[in-house]
Amino acid sequence: MRVRRTFAFVDLCGFTALTDTHGDDEAVAVLATFRFALRDVCSRRGVRIAKWLGDGAMLVCVDTAPAVATVLEMERTVMEERWPLALRAGMTTGDVIMFEGDDYIGHPVNLASRLCAAAGPGEVLAQPEVAACAPEWVAVHPIADRALRGVAQPVPLVELSPRGEPV
């Protein structure tokens, strides 16, 4: 069964190095803070955490605007609260196969994961279709198309960043 969904992968940059230099207890404390904050934002915005990926997560939403708002609110929280690690994210939207009722298979999922991996600290990379649905408090910055591992053609991209207060 094909469904249209918006996907975001979010990841804490430098988690392995943090664990190495500050130890497991510090890493667990940072991870607990991240997961608590993400659960809070997702629950308020109607975005589902599809799965935890160690120091990251896969998010899914039936509407694009709440997904964008969730990721950018998390980005703003990380910056304002001066977390020891930066957040990075990749976002896409599109038709996918719903597999066994709780998993998603298809190019948009894979692309969102690749965008997150390609993002630098503090970057939110997205397809232009995602940016078209961004709330007005989100700034959209066109950037060059980017070649991604496993993707045949360079991908048109924008970078999203928070401006003003999240609504």
Protein backbone atom coordinates (compact mmCIF):
# COMPACT_ATOMS: atom_id res chain seq x y z
CA MET A 1 0.00 0.00 0.00
CA ARG A 2 1.46 3.36 -1.05
CA VAL A 3 1.04 6.39 1.18
CA ARG A 4 2.38 9.94 1.04
CA ARG A 5 4.49 10.89 4.04
CA THR A 6 7.16 13.37 5.10
CA PHE A 7 10.32 11.93 6.61
CA ALA A 8 13.06 13.46 8.69
CA PHE A 9 16.19 11.89 10.03
CA VAL A 10 17.82 13.78 12.89
CA ASP A 11 21.22 13.00 14.35
CA LEU A 12 23.52 14.35 17.03
CA CYS A 13 26.89 15.23 15.47
CA GLY A 14 29.98 14.00 17.30
CA PHE A 15 28.27 11.53 19.62
CA THR A 16 30.99 8.89 19.19
CA ALA A 17 33.72 11.41 20.00
CA LEU A 18 31.74 12.64 23.02
CA THR A 19 31.49 9.09 24.30
CA ASP A 20 35.21 8.56 23.74
CA THR A 21 36.35 11.76 25.46
CA HIS A 22 33.73 12.12 28.22
CA GLY A 23 32.65 8.54 28.82
CA ASP A 24 29.45 6.58 28.64
CA ASP A 25 27.71 8.34 31.54
CA GLU A 26 28.02 11.77 29.89
CA ALA A 27 26.91 10.32 26.55
CA VAL A 28 23.84 8.74 28.15
CA ALA A 29 22.95 12.06 29.82
CA VAL A 30 23.15 13.90 26.47
CA LEU A 31 21.15 11.16 24.75
CA ALA A 32 18.46 11.25 27.46
CA THR A 33 18.15 15.04 27.09
CA PHE A 34 17.90 14.70 23.30
CA ARG A 35 15.24 11.99 23.45
CA PHE A 36 13.19 13.84 26.09
CA ALA A 37 13.24 17.06 24.04
CA LEU A 38 12.41 15.28 20.77
CA ARG A 39 9.51 13.37 22.35
CA ASP A 40 8.14 16.64 23.73
CA VAL A 41 8.33 18.52 20.42
CA CYS A 42 6.98 15.59 18.38
CA SER A 43 4.02 15.06 20.69
CA ARG A 44 3.06 18.75 20.56
CA ARG A 45 3.33 18.89 16.76
CA GLY A 46 1.73 15.55 15.82
CA VAL A 47 4.89 13.96 14.45
CA ARG A 48 5.65 10.29 15.07
CA ILE A 49 9.05 9.00 16.06
CA ALA A 50 9.16 5.97 13.78
CA LYS A 51 12.36 4.60 15.28
CA TRP A 52 15.31 5.52 17.43
CA LEU A 53 18.70 5.14 15.74
CA GLY A 54 21.16 5.35 18.62
CA ASP A 55 21.97 9.08 18.75
CA GLY A 56 19.38 9.85 16.09
CA ALA A 57 15.82 9.19 15.07
CA MET A 58 13.58 8.70 12.07
CA LEU A 59 10.48 10.91 12.13
CA VAL A 60 7.38 10.51 9.99
CA CYS A 61 4.35 12.74 9.48
CA VAL A 62 1.32 12.78 7.21
CA ASP A 63 1.72 16.55 6.73
CA THR A 64 4.91 18.36 5.84
CA ALA A 65 4.57 21.61 7.82
CA PRO A 66 4.48 19.95 11.28
CA ALA A 67 7.53 17.85 10.39
CA VAL A 68 9.48 20.94 9.32
CA ALA A 69 8.38 22.79 12.46
CA THR A 70 9.48 19.86 14.64
CA VAL A 71 12.96 19.63 13.16
CA LEU A 72 13.54 23.38 13.21
CA GLU A 73 12.24 23.73 16.76
CA MET A 74 14.70 21.00 17.80
CA GLU A 75 17.50 22.81 15.94
CA ARG A 76 16.65 26.05 17.73
CA THR A 77 16.52 24.28 21.12
CA VAL A 78 19.95 22.73 20.58
CA MET A 79 21.43 26.12 19.62
CA GLU A 80 19.75 28.20 22.33
CA GLU A 81 20.42 25.76 25.15
CA ARG A 82 24.04 25.32 23.99
CA TRP A 83 23.98 21.55 23.93
CA PRO A 84 27.45 19.96 23.76
CA LEU A 85 26.56 18.47 20.35
CA ALA A 86 24.99 20.00 17.25
CA LEU A 87 21.97 18.55 15.49
CA ARG A 88 21.82 17.75 11.78
CA ALA A 89 18.86 16.62 9.73
CA GLY A 90 17.62 15.55 6.31
CA MET A 91 14.01 15.89 5.14
CA THR A 92 11.97 14.61 2.19
CA THR A 93 8.39 13.99 1.24
CA GLY A 94 6.86 11.53 -1.17
CA ASP A 95 5.03 8.30 -1.83
CA VAL A 96 6.33 5.18 -0.10
CA ILE A 97 5.20 1.64 0.59
CA MET A 98 3.84 1.04 4.06
CA PHE A 99 5.37 -2.29 4.98
CA GLU A 100 3.81 -4.57 7.59
CA GLY A 101 1.80 -1.65 8.98
CA ASP A 102 4.62 0.19 10.72
CA ASP A 103 7.60 0.57 8.40
CA TYR A 104 8.19 2.59 5.26
CA ILE A 105 10.03 1.49 2.14
CA GLY A 106 10.93 3.78 -0.75
CA HIS A 107 13.16 6.45 -2.20
CA PRO A 108 11.95 9.32 0.05
CA VAL A 109 12.98 7.41 3.19
CA ASN A 110 16.40 6.52 1.78
CA LEU A 111 16.94 10.06 0.52
CA ALA A 112 16.07 11.63 3.90
CA SER A 113 18.63 9.35 5.54
CA ARG A 114 21.30 10.27 2.98
CA LEU A 115 20.55 13.98 3.40
CA CYS A 116 20.99 13.70 7.15
CA ALA A 117 24.32 11.92 6.65
CA ALA A 118 25.42 14.64 4.22
CA ALA A 119 24.39 17.52 6.50
CA GLY A 120 26.99 19.26 8.58
CA PRO A 121 26.57 20.28 12.22
CA GLY A 122 23.56 22.58 12.53
CA GLU A 123 22.37 21.94 8.95
CA VAL A 124 18.89 20.88 7.91
CA LEU A 125 18.95 19.73 4.27
CA ALA A 126 15.65 19.22 2.46
CA GLN A 127 14.03 18.78 -0.91
CA PRO A 128 12.47 21.97 -2.34
CA GLU A 129 9.01 20.31 -2.00
CA VAL A 130 9.53 20.23 1.76
CA ALA A 131 10.51 23.90 1.86
CA ALA A 132 7.34 24.85 -0.01
CA CYS A 133 5.37 23.77 3.07
CA ALA A 134 7.63 25.34 5.68
CA PRO A 135 6.06 27.63 8.29
CA GLU A 136 6.71 31.36 7.82
CA TRP A 137 9.19 31.43 10.70
CA VAL A 138 11.51 29.08 8.76
CA ALA A 139 14.13 30.55 6.42
CA VAL A 140 14.75 28.69 3.16
CA HIS A 141 18.21 28.97 1.57
CA PRO A 142 18.74 27.53 -1.92
CA ILE A 143 21.98 25.55 -2.20
CA ALA A 144 23.69 23.67 -5.01
CA ASP A 145 22.43 20.27 -6.10
CA ARG A 146 24.37 17.54 -4.35
CA ALA A 147 25.52 14.07 -5.36
CA LEU A 148 24.65 11.51 -2.69
CA ARG A 149 25.92 7.96 -2.28
CA GLY A 150 23.51 5.48 -3.83
CA VAL A 151 21.49 8.15 -5.67
CA ALA A 152 21.96 8.22 -9.46
CA GLN A 153 21.49 11.95 -10.08
CA PRO A 154 22.48 15.03 -8.06
CA VAL A 155 19.62 16.05 -5.77
CA PRO A 156 18.11 19.57 -5.76
CA LEU A 157 18.35 20.89 -2.20
CA VAL A 158 17.60 23.74 0.13
CA GLU A 159 18.84 24.41 3.63
CA LEU A 160 16.26 25.27 6.27
CA SER A 161 16.97 27.35 9.37
CA PRO A 162 14.86 28.88 12.13
CA ARG A 163 14.23 32.62 12.06
CA GLY A 164 12.08 34.21 14.66
CA GLU A 165 10.23 32.25 17.31
CA PRO A 166 8.64 28.88 16.48
CA VAL A 167 4.86 29.00 16.46
